[in-house]
Amino acid sequence: LPGAPGLLLWAMTGATLGFTAYNWPPARIFMGDVGSLFLGLLI
């Protein structure tokens, strides 16, 4: 995807990959409402 949506999606992909390294079972840290509410609206 070109333009703004594409850049946002790649930023979300990179950030989520980093988070997954710590959240993959067994998780060292949880996402919390700070992440789930943000992602729920943005997606």
Full PDB file with SEQRES, HELIX, SHEET, SSBOND, CRYST1, ORIGX, SCALE, CONECT and MASTER records, all heavy atoms in Angstrom:
SEQRES   1 A   43  LEU PRO GLY ALA PRO GLY LEU LEU LEU TRP ALA MET THR          
SEQRES   2 A   43  GLY ALA THR LEU GLY PHE THR ALA TYR ASN TRP PRO PRO          
SEQRES   3 A   43  ALA ARG ILE PHE MET GLY ASP VAL GLY SER LEU PHE LEU          
SEQRES   4 A   43  GLY LEU LEU ILE                                              
HELIX    1 AA1 GLY A    3  ASN A   23  1                                  21    
HELIX    2 AA2 GLY A   32  LEU A   42  1                                  11    
CRYST1    1.000    1.000    1.000  90.00  90.00  90.00 P 1           1          
ORIGX1      1.000000  0.000000  0.000000        0.00000                         
ORIGX2      0.000000  1.000000  0.000000        0.00000                         
ORIGX3      0.000000  0.000000  1.000000        0.00000                         
SCALE1      1.000000  0.000000  0.000000        0.00000                         
SCALE2      0.000000  1.000000  0.000000        0.00000                         
SCALE3      0.000000  0.000000  1.000000        0.00000                         
ATOM      1  N   LEU A   1       0.824  -1.205   0.000  1.00  0.00           N  
ATOM      2  CA  LEU A   1       0.000   0.000   0.000  1.00  0.00           C  
ATOM      3  C   LEU A   1       0.862   1.261   0.000  1.00  0.00           C  
ATOM      4  O   LEU A   1       1.766   1.401   0.825  1.00  0.00           O  
ATOM      5  CB  LEU A   1      -0.924  -0.005   1.217  1.00  0.00           C  
ATOM      6  CG  LEU A   1      -1.927  -1.160   1.248  1.00  0.00           C  
ATOM      7  CD1 LEU A   1      -2.595  -1.246   2.607  1.00  0.00           C  
ATOM      8  CD2 LEU A   1      -2.978  -0.985   0.158  1.00  0.00           C  
ATOM      9  N   PRO A   2       0.572   2.201  -0.895  1.00  0.00           N  
ATOM     10  CA  PRO A   2       1.359   3.429  -0.954  1.00  0.00           C  
ATOM     11  C   PRO A   2       0.852   4.470   0.037  1.00  0.00           C  
ATOM     12  O   PRO A   2      -0.236   4.344   0.590  1.00  0.00           O  
ATOM     13  CB  PRO A   2       1.124   3.908  -2.391  1.00  0.00           C  
ATOM     14  CG  PRO A   2      -0.277   3.442  -2.686  1.00  0.00           C  
ATOM     15  CD  PRO A   2      -0.440   2.131  -1.965  1.00  0.00           C  
ATOM     16  N   GLY A   3       1.656   5.502   0.247  1.00  0.00           N  
ATOM     17  CA  GLY A   3       1.208   6.662   1.004  1.00  0.00           C  
ATOM     18  C   GLY A   3       1.101   6.443   2.500  1.00  0.00           C  
ATOM     19  O   GLY A   3       1.737   5.550   3.076  1.00  0.00           O  
ATOM     20  N   ALA A   4       0.264   7.271   3.128  1.00  0.00           N  
ATOM     21  CA  ALA A   4       0.139   7.296   4.583  1.00  0.00           C  
ATOM     22  C   ALA A   4      -0.286   5.957   5.181  1.00  0.00           C  
ATOM     23  O   ALA A   4       0.315   5.499   6.163  1.00  0.00           O  
ATOM     24  CB  ALA A   4      -0.830   8.400   4.998  1.00  0.00           C  
ATOM     25  N   PRO A   5      -1.328   5.291   4.665  1.00  0.00           N  
ATOM     26  CA  PRO A   5      -1.719   4.007   5.265  1.00  0.00           C  
ATOM     27  C   PRO A   5      -0.584   2.987   5.251  1.00  0.00           C  
ATOM     28  O   PRO A   5      -0.373   2.262   6.229  1.00  0.00           O  
ATOM     29  CB  PRO A   5      -2.895   3.552   4.398  1.00  0.00           C  
ATOM     30  CG  PRO A   5      -3.441   4.802   3.813  1.00  0.00           C  
ATOM     31  CD  PRO A   5      -2.255   5.673   3.573  1.00  0.00           C  
ATOM     32  N   GLY A   6       0.165   2.934   4.147  1.00  0.00           N  
ATOM     33  CA  GLY A   6       1.267   1.984   4.062  1.00  0.00           C  
ATOM     34  C   GLY A   6       2.339   2.259   5.095  1.00  0.00           C  
ATOM     35  O   GLY A   6       2.827   1.340   5.768  1.00  0.00           O  
ATOM     36  N   LEU A   7       2.723   3.522   5.253  1.00  0.00           N  
ATOM     37  CA  LEU A   7       3.746   3.857   6.239  1.00  0.00           C  
ATOM     38  C   LEU A   7       3.286   3.525   7.648  1.00  0.00           C  
ATOM     39  O   LEU A   7       4.060   2.990   8.460  1.00  0.00           O  
ATOM     40  CB  LEU A   7       4.110   5.336   6.123  1.00  0.00           C  
ATOM     41  CG  LEU A   7       5.293   5.790   6.994  1.00  0.00           C  
ATOM     42  CD1 LEU A   7       6.170   6.778   6.236  1.00  0.00           C  
ATOM     43  CD2 LEU A   7       4.813   6.436   8.301  1.00  0.00           C  
ATOM     44  N   LEU A   8       2.026   3.828   7.949  1.00  0.00           N  
ATOM     45  CA  LEU A   8       1.490   3.512   9.272  1.00  0.00           C  
ATOM     46  C   LEU A   8       1.503   2.010   9.535  1.00  0.00           C  
ATOM     47  O   LEU A   8       1.856   1.554  10.621  1.00  0.00           O  
ATOM     48  CB  LEU A   8       0.057   4.039   9.400  1.00  0.00           C  
ATOM     49  CG  LEU A   8      -0.138   5.434   9.966  1.00  0.00           C  
ATOM     50  CD1 LEU A   8      -1.618   5.774   9.989  1.00  0.00           C  
ATOM     51  CD2 LEU A   8       0.458   5.549  11.353  1.00  0.00           C  
ATOM     52  N   LEU A   9       1.119   1.238   8.523  1.00  0.00           N  
ATOM     53  CA  LEU A   9       1.082  -0.211   8.673  1.00  0.00           C  
ATOM     54  C   LEU A   9       2.474  -0.781   8.889  1.00  0.00           C  
ATOM     55  O   LEU A   9       2.662  -1.718   9.684  1.00  0.00           O  
ATOM     56  CB  LEU A   9       0.422  -0.841   7.443  1.00  0.00           C  
ATOM     57  CG  LEU A   9      -1.088  -0.640   7.354  1.00  0.00           C  
ATOM     58  CD1 LEU A   9      -1.594  -0.900   5.938  1.00  0.00           C  
ATOM     59  CD2 LEU A   9      -1.813  -1.548   8.347  1.00  0.00           C  
ATOM     60  N   TRP A  10       3.476  -0.228   8.190  1.00  0.00           N  
ATOM     61  CA  TRP A  10       4.839  -0.711   8.407  1.00  0.00           C  
ATOM     62  C   TRP A  10       5.340  -0.324   9.796  1.00  0.00           C  
ATOM     63  O   TRP A  10       6.063  -1.102  10.444  1.00  0.00           O  
ATOM     64  CB  TRP A  10       5.772  -0.165   7.328  1.00  0.00           C  
ATOM     65  CG  TRP A  10       5.616  -0.855   6.016  1.00  0.00           C  
ATOM     66  CD1 TRP A  10       5.272  -0.303   4.825  1.00  0.00           C  
ATOM     67  CD2 TRP A  10       5.785  -2.259   5.761  1.00  0.00           C  
ATOM     68  NE1 TRP A  10       5.210  -1.258   3.837  1.00  0.00           N  
ATOM     69  CE2 TRP A  10       5.521  -2.471   4.390  1.00  0.00           C  
ATOM     70  CE3 TRP A  10       6.131  -3.357   6.558  1.00  0.00           C  
ATOM     71  CZ2 TRP A  10       5.601  -3.722   3.790  1.00  0.00           C  
ATOM     72  CZ3 TRP A  10       6.204  -4.618   5.977  1.00  0.00           C  
ATOM     73  CH2 TRP A  10       5.947  -4.792   4.603  1.00  0.00           C  
ATOM     74  N   ALA A  11       4.991   0.871  10.270  1.00  0.00           N  
ATOM     75  CA  ALA A  11       5.374   1.272  11.632  1.00  0.00           C  
ATOM     76  C   ALA A  11       4.724   0.356  12.664  1.00  0.00           C  
ATOM     77  O   ALA A  11       5.373  -0.070  13.633  1.00  0.00           O  
ATOM     78  CB  ALA A  11       4.989   2.725  11.883  1.00  0.00           C  
ATOM     79  N   MET A  12       3.444   0.042  12.468  1.00  0.00           N  
ATOM     80  CA  MET A  12       2.753  -0.876  13.374  1.00  0.00           C  
ATOM     81  C   MET A  12       3.381  -2.263  13.337  1.00  0.00           C  
ATOM     82  O   MET A  12       3.526  -2.926  14.370  1.00  0.00           O  
ATOM     83  CB  MET A  12       1.271  -0.971  13.009  1.00  0.00           C  
ATOM     84  CG  MET A  12       0.457   0.251  13.362  1.00  0.00           C  
ATOM     85  SD  MET A  12      -1.241   0.139  12.755  1.00  0.00           S  
ATOM     86  CE  MET A  12      -1.864  -1.224  13.718  1.00  0.00           C  
ATOM     87  N   THR A  13       3.772  -2.706  12.143  1.00  0.00           N  
ATOM     88  CA  THR A  13       4.400  -4.012  12.008  1.00  0.00           C  
ATOM     89  C   THR A  13       5.719  -4.066  12.774  1.00  0.00           C  
ATOM     90  O   THR A  13       5.969  -5.002  13.544  1.00  0.00           O  
ATOM     91  CB  THR A  13       4.660  -4.329  10.523  1.00  0.00           C  
ATOM     92  OG1 THR A  13       3.420  -4.337   9.813  1.00  0.00           O  
ATOM     93  CG2 THR A  13       5.337  -5.687  10.366  1.00  0.00           C  
ATOM     94  N   GLY A  14       6.564  -3.062  12.583  1.00  0.00           N  
ATOM     95  CA  GLY A  14       7.847  -3.042  13.275  1.00  0.00           C  
ATOM     96  C   GLY A  14       7.701  -2.993  14.785  1.00  0.00           C  
ATOM     97  O   GLY A  14       8.349  -3.747  15.520  1.00  0.00           O  
ATOM     98  N   ALA A  15       6.837  -2.095  15.256  1.00  0.00           N  
ATOM     99  CA  ALA A  15       6.634  -1.956  16.704  1.00  0.00           C  
ATOM    100  C   ALA A  15       6.051  -3.230  17.303  1.00  0.00           C  
ATOM    101  O   ALA A  15       6.436  -3.657  18.399  1.00  0.00           O  
ATOM    102  CB  ALA A  15       5.721  -0.769  16.986  1.00  0.00           C  
ATOM    103  N   THR A  16       5.120  -3.856  16.591  1.00  0.00           N  
ATOM    104  CA  THR A  16       4.483  -5.071  17.106  1.00  0.00           C  
ATOM    105  C   THR A  16       5.445  -6.253  17.100  1.00  0.00           C  
ATOM    106  O   THR A  16       5.415  -7.100  17.993  1.00  0.00           O  
ATOM    107  CB  THR A  16       3.224  -5.414  16.292  1.00  0.00           C  
ATOM    108  OG1 THR A  16       2.359  -4.278  16.295  1.00  0.00           O  
ATOM    109  CG2 THR A  16       2.484  -6.593  16.889  1.00  0.00           C  
ATOM    110  N   LEU A  17       6.319  -6.321  16.095  1.00  0.00           N  
ATOM    111  CA  LEU A  17       7.343  -7.369  16.082  1.00  0.00           C  
ATOM    112  C   LEU A  17       8.260  -7.242  17.291  1.00  0.00           C  
ATOM    113  O   LEU A  17       8.609  -8.237  17.930  1.00  0.00           O  
ATOM    114  CB  LEU A  17       8.157  -7.289  14.789  1.00  0.00           C  
ATOM    115  CG  LEU A  17       7.500  -7.873  13.537  1.00  0.00           C  
ATOM    116  CD1 LEU A  17       8.338  -7.534  12.298  1.00  0.00           C  
ATOM    117  CD2 LEU A  17       7.327  -9.382  13.664  1.00  0.00           C  
ATOM    118  N   GLY A  18       8.651  -6.008  17.610  1.00  0.00           N  
ATOM    119  CA  GLY A  18       9.467  -5.802  18.803  1.00  0.00           C  
ATOM    120  C   GLY A  18       8.748  -6.233  20.063  1.00  0.00           C  
ATOM    121  O   GLY A  18       9.315  -6.897  20.932  1.00  0.00           O  
ATOM    122  N   PHE A  19       7.471  -5.857  20.160  1.00  0.00           N  
ATOM    123  CA  PHE A  19       6.677  -6.246  21.330  1.00  0.00           C  
ATOM    124  C   PHE A  19       6.515  -7.759  21.409  1.00  0.00           C  
ATOM    125  O   PHE A  19       6.581  -8.350  22.498  1.00  0.00           O  
ATOM    126  CB  PHE A  19       5.311  -5.576  21.265  1.00  0.00           C  
ATOM    127  CG  PHE A  19       4.357  -6.035  22.331  1.00  0.00           C  
ATOM    128  CD1 PHE A  19       4.503  -5.622  23.642  1.00  0.00           C  
ATOM    129  CD2 PHE A  19       3.324  -6.913  22.020  1.00  0.00           C  
ATOM    130  CE1 PHE A  19       3.637  -6.060  24.626  1.00  0.00           C  
ATOM    131  CE2 PHE A  19       2.452  -7.355  22.991  1.00  0.00           C  
ATOM    132  CZ  PHE A  19       2.612  -6.928  24.309  1.00  0.00           C  
ATOM    133  N   THR A  20       6.325  -8.409  20.269  1.00  0.00           N  
ATOM    134  CA  THR A  20       6.111  -9.856  20.246  1.00  0.00           C  
ATOM    135  C   THR A  20       7.314 -10.599  20.809  1.00  0.00           C  
ATOM    136  O   THR A  20       7.167 -11.671  21.422  1.00  0.00           O  
ATOM    137  CB  THR A  20       5.814 -10.333  18.808  1.00  0.00           C  
ATOM    138  OG1 THR A  20       4.700  -9.600  18.291  1.00  0.00           O  
ATOM    139  CG2 THR A  20       5.477 -11.812  18.773  1.00  0.00           C  
ATOM    140  N   ALA A  21       8.510 -10.057  20.616  1.00  0.00           N  
ATOM    141  CA  ALA A  21       9.711 -10.701  21.154  1.00  0.00           C  
ATOM    142  C   ALA A  21       9.643 -10.842  22.665  1.00  0.00           C  
ATOM    143  O   ALA A  21      10.232 -11.780  23.245  1.00  0.00           O  
ATOM    144  CB  ALA A  21      10.950  -9.889  20.755  1.00  0.00           C  
ATOM    145  N   TYR A  22       8.907  -9.960  23.326  1.00  0.00           N  
ATOM    146  CA  TYR A  22       8.766 -10.012  24.786  1.00  0.00           C  
ATOM    147  C   TYR A  22       7.431 -10.611  25.218  1.00  0.00           C  
ATOM    148  O   TYR A  22       7.278 -11.017  26.371  1.00  0.00           O  
ATOM    149  CB  TYR A  22       8.878  -8.600  25.370  1.00  0.00           C  
ATOM    150  CG  TYR A  22      10.269  -8.038  25.410  1.00  0.00           C  
ATOM    151  CD1 TYR A  22      10.880  -7.521  24.269  1.00  0.00           C  
ATOM    152  CD2 TYR A  22      10.993  -8.013  26.604  1.00  0.00           C  
ATOM    153  CE1 TYR A  22      12.157  -6.996  24.308  1.00  0.00           C  
ATOM    154  CE2 TYR A  22      12.276  -7.483  26.652  1.00  0.00           C  
ATOM    155  CZ  TYR A  22      12.854  -6.983  25.497  1.00  0.00           C  
ATOM    156  OH  TYR A  22      14.121  -6.471  25.537  1.00  0.00           O  
ATOM    157  N   ASN A  23       6.456 -10.649  24.312  1.00  0.00           N  
ATOM    158  CA  ASN A  23       5.113 -11.095  24.667  1.00  0.00           C  
ATOM    159  C   ASN A  23       4.804 -12.507  24.189  1.00  0.00           C  
ATOM    160  O   ASN A  23       3.771 -13.068  24.540  1.00  0.00           O  
ATOM    161  CB  ASN A  23       4.084 -10.120  24.072  1.00  0.00           C  
ATOM    162  CG  ASN A  23       2.662 -10.383  24.508  1.00  0.00           C  
ATOM    163  OD1 ASN A  23       1.797 -10.677  23.688  1.00  0.00           O  
ATOM    164  ND2 ASN A  23       2.386 -10.279  25.796  1.00  0.00           N  
ATOM    165  N   TRP A  24       5.716 -13.100  23.399  1.00  0.00           N  
ATOM    166  CA  TRP A  24       5.482 -14.460  22.919  1.00  0.00           C  
ATOM    167  C   TRP A  24       5.488 -15.426  24.106  1.00  0.00           C  
ATOM    168  O   TRP A  24       6.262 -15.268  25.036  1.00  0.00           O  
ATOM    169  CB  TRP A  24       6.548 -14.860  21.903  1.00  0.00           C  
ATOM    170  CG  TRP A  24       6.247 -16.168  21.241  1.00  0.00           C  
ATOM    171  CD1 TRP A  24       6.854 -17.365  21.477  1.00  0.00           C  
ATOM    172  CD2 TRP A  24       5.243 -16.415  20.258  1.00  0.00           C  
ATOM    173  NE1 TRP A  24       6.299 -18.347  20.698  1.00  0.00           N  
ATOM    174  CE2 TRP A  24       5.301 -17.793  19.936  1.00  0.00           C  
ATOM    175  CE3 TRP A  24       4.301 -15.617  19.623  1.00  0.00           C  
ATOM    176  CZ2 TRP A  24       4.458 -18.392  19.008  1.00  0.00           C  
ATOM    177  CZ3 TRP A  24       3.453 -16.199  18.695  1.00  0.00           C  
ATOM    178  CH2 TRP A  24       3.534 -17.570  18.400  1.00  0.00           C  
ATOM    179  N   PRO A  25       4.604 -16.424  24.115  1.00  0.00           N  
ATOM    180  CA  PRO A  25       4.500 -17.349  25.251  1.00  0.00           C  
ATOM    181  C   PRO A  25       5.834 -18.064  25.545  1.00  0.00           C  
ATOM    182  O   PRO A  25       6.463 -18.563  24.616  1.00  0.00           O  
ATOM    183  CB  PRO A  25       3.451 -18.363  24.787  1.00  0.00           C  
ATOM    184  CG  PRO A  25       2.696 -17.678  23.685  1.00  0.00           C  
ATOM    185  CD  PRO A  25       3.666 -16.758  23.020  1.00  0.00           C  
ATOM    186  N   PRO A  26       6.230 -18.081  26.823  1.00  0.00           N  
ATOM    187  CA  PRO A  26       5.615 -17.413  27.970  1.00  0.00           C  
ATOM    188  C   PRO A  26       6.011 -15.939  28.020  1.00  0.00           C  
ATOM    189  O   PRO A  26       7.177 -15.593  27.932  1.00  0.00           O  
ATOM    190  CB  PRO A  26       6.199 -18.175  29.165  1.00  0.00           C  
ATOM    191  CG  PRO A  26       7.532 -18.658  28.687  1.00  0.00           C  
ATOM    192  CD  PRO A  26       7.374 -18.939  27.209  1.00  0.00           C  
ATOM    193  N   ALA A  27       5.021 -15.076  28.149  1.00  0.00           N  
ATOM    194  CA  ALA A  27       5.230 -13.634  28.048  1.00  0.00           C  
ATOM    195  C   ALA A  27       6.047 -13.099  29.217  1.00  0.00           C  
ATOM    196  O   ALA A  27       5.832 -13.479  30.369  1.00  0.00           O  
ATOM    197  CB  ALA A  27       3.883 -12.922  28.005  1.00  0.00           C  
ATOM    198  N   ARG A  28       6.967 -12.195  28.884  1.00  0.00           N  
ATOM    199  CA  ARG A  28       7.703 -11.482  29.924  1.00  0.00           C  
ATOM    200  C   ARG A  28       6.971 -10.212  30.333  1.00  0.00           C  
ATOM    201  O   ARG A  28       7.231  -9.658  31.408  1.00  0.00           O  
ATOM    202  CB  ARG A  28       9.101 -11.135  29.426  1.00  0.00           C  
ATOM    203  CG  ARG A  28       9.985 -12.329  29.157  1.00  0.00           C  
ATOM    204  CD  ARG A  28      11.301 -11.938  28.514  1.00  0.00           C  
ATOM    205  NE  ARG A  28      12.042 -11.005  29.349  1.00  0.00           N  
ATOM    206  CZ  ARG A  28      13.160 -10.389  28.947  1.00  0.00           C  
ATOM    207  NH1 ARG A  28      13.621 -10.591  27.736  1.00  0.00           N  
ATOM    208  NH2 ARG A  28      13.784  -9.553  29.755  1.00  0.00           N  
ATOM    209  N   ILE A  29       6.081  -9.730  29.462  1.00  0.00           N  
ATOM    210  CA  ILE A  29       5.331  -8.511  29.744  1.00  0.00           C  
ATOM    211  C   ILE A  29       4.015  -8.565  28.974  1.00  0.00           C  
ATOM    212  O   ILE A  29       3.935  -9.182  27.902  1.00  0.00           O  
ATOM    213  CB  ILE A  29       6.143  -7.259  29.339  1.00  0.00           C  
ATOM    214  CG1 ILE A  29       5.499  -5.981  29.872  1.00  0.00           C  
ATOM    215  CG2 ILE A  29       6.349  -7.186  27.832  1.00  0.00           C  
ATOM    216  CD1 ILE A  29       6.392  -4.756  29.760  1.00  0.00           C  
ATOM    217  N   PHE A  30       2.972  -7.949  29.537  1.00  0.00           N  
ATOM    218  CA  PHE A  30       1.670  -7.892  28.886  1.00  0.00           C  
ATOM    219  C   PHE A  30       1.511  -6.561  28.138  1.00  0.00           C  
ATOM    220  O   PHE A  30       2.176  -5.577  28.449  1.00  0.00           O  
ATOM    221  CB  PHE A  30       0.543  -8.018  29.904  1.00  0.00           C  
ATOM    222  CG  PHE A  30       0.538  -9.329  30.648  1.00  0.00           C  
ATOM    223  CD1 PHE A  30      -0.001  -9.416  31.922  1.00  0.00           C  
ATOM    224  CD2 PHE A  30       1.063 -10.479  30.080  1.00  0.00           C  
ATOM    225  CE1 PHE A  30      -0.016 -10.613  32.615  1.00  0.00           C  
ATOM    226  CE2 PHE A  30       1.057 -11.690  30.752  1.00  0.00           C  
ATOM    227  CZ  PHE A  30       0.509 -11.754  32.025  1.00  0.00           C  
ATOM    228  N   MET A  31       0.575  -6.550  27.194  1.00  0.00           N  
ATOM    229  CA  MET A  31       0.297  -5.340  26.418  1.00  0.00           C  
ATOM    230  C   MET A  31      -0.367  -4.280  27.273  1.00  0.00           C  
ATOM    231  O   MET A  31      -0.006  -3.100  27.213  1.00  0.00           O  
ATOM    232  CB  MET A  31      -0.580  -5.679  25.213  1.00  0.00           C  
ATOM    233  CG  MET A  31      -0.914  -4.498  24.334  1.00  0.00           C  
ATOM    234  SD  MET A  31      -1.932  -4.935  22.892  1.00  0.00           S  
ATOM    235  CE  MET A  31      -0.759  -5.846  21.901  1.00  0.00           C  
ATOM    236  N   GLY A  32      -1.364  -4.658  28.057  1.00  0.00           N  
ATOM    237  CA  GLY A  32      -2.097  -3.710  28.872  1.00  0.00           C  
ATOM    238  C   GLY A  32      -3.097  -2.913  28.060  1.00  0.00           C  
ATOM    239  O   GLY A  32      -3.091  -2.931  26.821  1.00  0.00           O  
ATOM    240  N   ASP A  33      -3.954  -2.183  28.744  1.00  0.00           N  
ATOM    241  CA  ASP A  33      -4.964  -1.352  28.080  1.00  0.00           C  
ATOM    242  C   ASP A  33      -4.330  -0.259  27.236  1.00  0.00           C  
ATOM    243  O   ASP A  33      -4.909   0.169  26.228  1.00  0.00           O  
ATOM    244  CB  ASP A  33      -5.893  -0.712  29.118  1.00  0.00           C  
ATOM    245  CG  ASP A  33      -6.823  -1.724  29.760  1.00  0.00           C  
ATOM    246  OD1 ASP A  33      -6.792  -2.901  29.345  1.00  0.00           O  
ATOM    247  OD2 ASP A  33      -7.577  -1.342  30.668  1.00  0.00           O  
ATOM    248  N   VAL A  34      -3.145   0.205  27.628  1.00  0.00           N  
ATOM    249  CA  VAL A  34      -2.479   1.264  26.879  1.00  0.00           C  
ATOM    250  C   VAL A  34      -2.260   0.846  25.432  1.00  0.00           C  
ATOM    251  O   VAL A  34      -2.382   1.667  24.505  1.00  0.00           O  
ATOM    252  CB  VAL A  34      -1.135   1.648  27.549  1.00  0.00           C  
ATOM    253  CG1 VAL A  34      -0.174   0.470  27.599  1.00  0.00           C  
ATOM    254  CG2 VAL A  34      -0.483   2.813  26.816  1.00  0.00           C  
ATOM    255  N   GLY A  35      -1.987  -0.434  25.206  1.00  0.00           N  
ATOM    256  CA  GLY A  35      -1.770  -0.915  23.851  1.00  0.00           C  
ATOM    257  C   GLY A  35      -3.027  -1.400  23.171  1.00  0.00           C  
ATOM    258  O   GLY A  35      -3.270  -1.099  21.994  1.00  0.00           O  
ATOM    259  N   SER A  36      -3.861  -2.145  23.894  1.00  0.00           N  
ATOM    260  CA  SER A  36      -5.030  -2.759  23.259  1.00  0.00           C  
ATOM    261  C   SER A  36      -6.063  -1.712  22.832  1.00  0.00           C  
ATOM    262  O   SER A  36      -6.663  -1.826  21.757  1.00  0.00           O  
ATOM    263  CB  SER A  36      -5.676  -3.790  24.196  1.00  0.00           C  
ATOM    264  OG  SER A  36      -6.131  -3.190  25.396  1.00  0.00           O  
ATOM    265  N   LEU A  37      -6.283  -0.675  23.634  1.00  0.00           N  
ATOM    266  CA  LEU A  37      -7.227   0.379  23.251  1.00  0.00           C  
ATOM    267  C   LEU A  37      -6.721   1.157  22.043  1.00  0.00           C  
ATOM    268  O   LEU A  37      -7.477   1.472  21.116  1.00  0.00           O  
ATOM    269  CB  LEU A  37      -7.482   1.322  24.420  1.00  0.00           C  
ATOM    270  CG  LEU A  37      -8.132   0.721  25.673  1.00  0.00           C  
ATOM    271  CD1 LEU A  37      -8.294   1.793  26.750  1.00  0.00           C  
ATOM    272  CD2 LEU A  37      -9.482   0.099  25.341  1.00  0.00           C  
ATOM    273  N   PHE A  38      -5.440   1.466  22.053  1.00  0.00           N  
ATOM    274  CA  PHE A  38      -4.809   2.188  20.950  1.00  0.00           C  
ATOM    275  C   PHE A  38      -4.945   1.397  19.652  1.00  0.00           C  
ATOM    276  O   PHE A  38      -5.367   1.931  18.617  1.00  0.00           O  
ATOM    277  CB  PHE A  38      -3.331   2.424  21.287  1.00  0.00           C  
ATOM    278  CG  PHE A  38      -2.537   3.133  20.221  1.00  0.00           C  
ATOM    279  CD1 PHE A  38      -2.488   4.516  20.177  1.00  0.00           C  
ATOM    280  CD2 PHE A  38      -1.815   2.412  19.273  1.00  0.00           C  
ATOM    281  CE1 PHE A  38      -1.741   5.175  19.205  1.00  0.00           C  
ATOM    282  CE2 PHE A  38      -1.074   3.062  18.295  1.00  0.00           C  
ATOM    283  CZ  PHE A  38      -1.034   4.446  18.264  1.00  0.00           C  
ATOM    284  N   LEU A  39      -4.597   0.116  19.694  1.00  0.00           N  
ATOM    285  CA  LEU A  39      -4.657  -0.713  18.491  1.00  0.00           C  
ATOM    286  C   LEU A  39      -6.095  -0.951  18.045  1.00  0.00           C  
ATOM    287  O   LEU A  39      -6.381  -0.988  16.836  1.00  0.00           O  
ATOM    288  CB  LEU A  39      -3.957  -2.046  18.742  1.00  0.00           C  
ATOM    289  CG  LEU A  39      -2.431  -1.992  18.832  1.00  0.00           C  
ATOM    290  CD1 LEU A  39      -1.875  -3.345  19.255  1.00  0.00           C  
ATOM    291  CD2 LEU A  39      -1.816  -1.556  17.501  1.00  0.00           C  
ATOM    292  N   GLY A  40      -6.999  -1.131  18.999  1.00  0.00           N  
ATOM    293  CA  GLY A  40      -8.390  -1.369  18.646  1.00  0.00           C  
ATOM    294  C   GLY A  40      -8.964  -0.240  17.821  1.00  0.00           C  
ATOM    295  O   GLY A  40      -9.656  -0.468  16.819  1.00  0.00           O  
ATOM    296  N   LEU A  41      -8.668   1.001  18.206  1.00  0.00           N  
ATOM    297  CA  LEU A  41      -9.180   2.147  17.450  1.00  0.00           C  
ATOM    298  C   LEU A  41      -8.422   2.336  16.145  1.00  0.00           C  
ATOM    299  O   LEU A  41      -9.029   2.531  15.087  1.00  0.00           O  
ATOM    300  CB  LEU A  41      -9.088   3.417  18.299  1.00  0.00           C  
ATOM    301  CG  LEU A  41      -9.617   4.691  17.625  1.00  0.00           C  
ATOM    302  CD1 LEU A  41     -11.071   4.521  17.171  1.00  0.00           C  
ATOM    303  CD2 LEU A  41      -9.495   5.894  18.552  1.00  0.00           C  
ATOM    304  N   LEU A  42      -7.103   2.256  16.183  1.00  0.00           N  
ATOM    305  CA  LEU A  42      -6.317   2.546  14.989  1.00  0.00           C  
ATOM    306  C   LEU A  42      -6.546   1.514  13.886  1.00  0.00           C  
ATOM    307  O   LEU A  42      -6.653   1.869  12.702  1.00  0.00           O  
ATOM    308  CB  LEU A  42      -4.828   2.622  15.334  1.00  0.00           C  
ATOM    309  CG  LEU A  42      -3.905   3.027  14.187  1.00  0.00           C  
ATOM    310  CD1 LEU A  42      -4.344   4.357  13.568  1.00  0.00           C  
ATOM    311  CD2 LEU A  42      -2.461   3.114  14.657  1.00  0.00           C  
ATOM    312  N   ILE A  43      -6.644   0.244  14.247  1.00  0.00           N  
ATOM    313  CA  ILE A  43      -6.905  -0.781  13.229  1.00  0.00           C  
ATOM    314  C   ILE A  43      -8.277  -0.569  12.604  1.00  0.00           C  
ATOM    315  O   ILE A  43      -8.449  -0.687  11.386  1.00  0.00           O  
ATOM    316  CB  ILE A  43      -6.769  -2.187  13.841  1.00  0.00           C  
ATOM    317  CG1 ILE A  43      -5.294  -2.495  14.108  1.00  0.00           C  
ATOM    318  CG2 ILE A  43      -7.383  -3.252  12.928  1.00  0.00           C  
ATOM    319  CD1 ILE A  43      -5.049  -3.795  14.830  1.00  0.00           C  
TER     320      ILE A  43                                                      
MASTER        0    0    0    2    0    0    0    6  319    1    0    4          
END                                                                             
